[in-house]
Amino acid sequence: MTKNVMDLQVLTAEQLVARTMHLLSRAATIGVCQGRVRALIQHLECVASENTLDPAIRSTSEQLLADWRAAQLEEFGQPEKPVSH
């Protein structure tokens, strides 16, 4: 598990959604880079799997996750596999 994923686990569900919205906004206003896309995908994965959130939020996150994974592949190629520690 990467440090970024571990950091996401200590957030409340609402904080996680807020950070995800922030990343989405930054991608829209500033643009994308590999790091921003990777962070956004990690956040969307967490939101989509957070059982305490409303199903509509989880469902939307799953749809956005599919879109962002496709964009990542198109823009940057196949993502690197995370290194296991």
Protein backbone atom coordinates (compact mmCIF):
# COMPACT_ATOMS: atom_id res chain seq x y z
CA MET A 1 0.00 0.00 0.00
CA THR A 2 1.40 3.37 -0.95
CA LYS A 3 1.71 6.29 1.46
CA ASN A 4 -0.91 8.26 -0.52
CA VAL A 5 -3.44 5.46 -0.20
CA MET A 6 -2.68 5.10 3.51
CA ASP A 7 -3.18 8.87 3.95
CA LEU A 8 -6.59 8.59 2.29
CA GLN A 9 -7.66 5.94 4.79
CA VAL A 10 -7.50 8.36 7.73
CA LEU A 11 -9.84 10.88 6.10
CA THR A 12 -13.54 11.02 6.81
CA ALA A 13 -15.76 10.19 3.86
CA GLU A 14 -16.69 13.85 3.51
CA GLN A 15 -13.04 14.94 3.52
CA LEU A 16 -12.30 12.32 0.87
CA VAL A 17 -15.09 13.66 -1.35
CA ALA A 18 -13.88 17.23 -0.79
CA ARG A 19 -10.31 16.33 -1.80
CA THR A 20 -11.58 14.48 -4.85
CA MET A 21 -13.65 17.48 -5.90
CA HIS A 22 -10.58 19.66 -5.45
CA LEU A 23 -8.53 17.41 -7.73
CA LEU A 24 -11.31 17.39 -10.33
CA SER A 25 -11.43 21.16 -10.23
CA ARG A 26 -7.65 21.47 -10.58
CA ALA A 27 -7.69 19.11 -13.56
CA ALA A 28 -10.39 21.24 -15.19
CA THR A 29 -8.82 24.63 -14.48
CA ILE A 30 -5.08 23.90 -14.66
CA GLY A 31 -4.94 20.71 -16.69
CA VAL A 32 -3.72 17.20 -16.21
CA CYS A 33 -0.34 15.69 -15.60
CA GLN A 34 0.52 12.09 -14.76
CA GLY A 35 0.69 12.77 -11.04
CA ARG A 36 -2.63 14.61 -10.87
CA VAL A 37 -4.37 11.89 -12.89
CA ARG A 38 -2.85 9.17 -10.72
CA ALA A 39 -3.94 10.98 -7.52
CA LEU A 40 -7.42 11.57 -8.90
CA ILE A 41 -7.81 7.90 -9.82
CA GLN A 42 -6.71 6.87 -6.32
CA HIS A 43 -9.22 9.26 -4.75
CA LEU A 44 -12.04 8.09 -7.03
CA GLU A 45 -11.26 4.45 -6.17
CA CYS A 46 -11.58 5.28 -2.48
CA VAL A 47 -14.81 7.24 -2.94
CA ALA A 48 -16.34 4.48 -5.08
CA SER A 49 -15.59 1.88 -2.41
CA GLU A 50 -16.61 3.96 0.65
CA ASN A 51 -19.73 2.21 1.93
CA THR A 52 -20.74 5.08 4.20
CA LEU A 53 -21.33 7.37 1.22
CA ASP A 54 -24.61 7.66 -0.65
CA PRO A 55 -24.92 5.11 -3.48
CA ALA A 56 -25.33 7.93 -6.01
CA ILE A 57 -21.94 9.37 -5.03
CA ARG A 58 -20.31 5.94 -5.24
CA SER A 59 -21.92 5.23 -8.60
CA THR A 60 -20.87 8.59 -10.04
CA SER A 61 -17.34 7.98 -8.77
CA GLU A 62 -17.25 4.59 -10.51
CA GLN A 63 -18.33 6.22 -13.77
CA LEU A 64 -15.75 9.00 -13.40
CA LEU A 65 -13.12 6.42 -12.52
CA ALA A 66 -13.73 4.58 -15.79
CA ASP A 67 -13.48 7.87 -17.70
CA TRP A 68 -10.26 8.94 -15.96
CA ARG A 69 -8.63 5.53 -16.41
CA ALA A 70 -9.41 5.73 -20.14
CA ALA A 71 -8.02 9.28 -20.28
CA GLN A 72 -4.89 8.18 -18.41
CA LEU A 73 -4.31 5.37 -20.90
CA GLU A 74 -4.91 7.64 -23.89
CA GLU A 75 -2.79 10.53 -22.61
CA PHE A 76 0.06 8.73 -20.81
CA GLY A 77 -0.08 5.08 -21.84
CA GLN A 78 -0.33 2.10 -19.53
CA PRO A 79 0.20 3.20 -15.90
CA GLU A 80 3.12 1.73 -14.02
CA LYS A 81 2.32 -0.95 -11.48
CA PRO A 82 2.80 0.25 -7.90
CA VAL A 83 5.88 -1.11 -6.17
CA SER A 84 5.04 -3.55 -3.38
CA HIS A 85 6.81 -2.96 -0.08
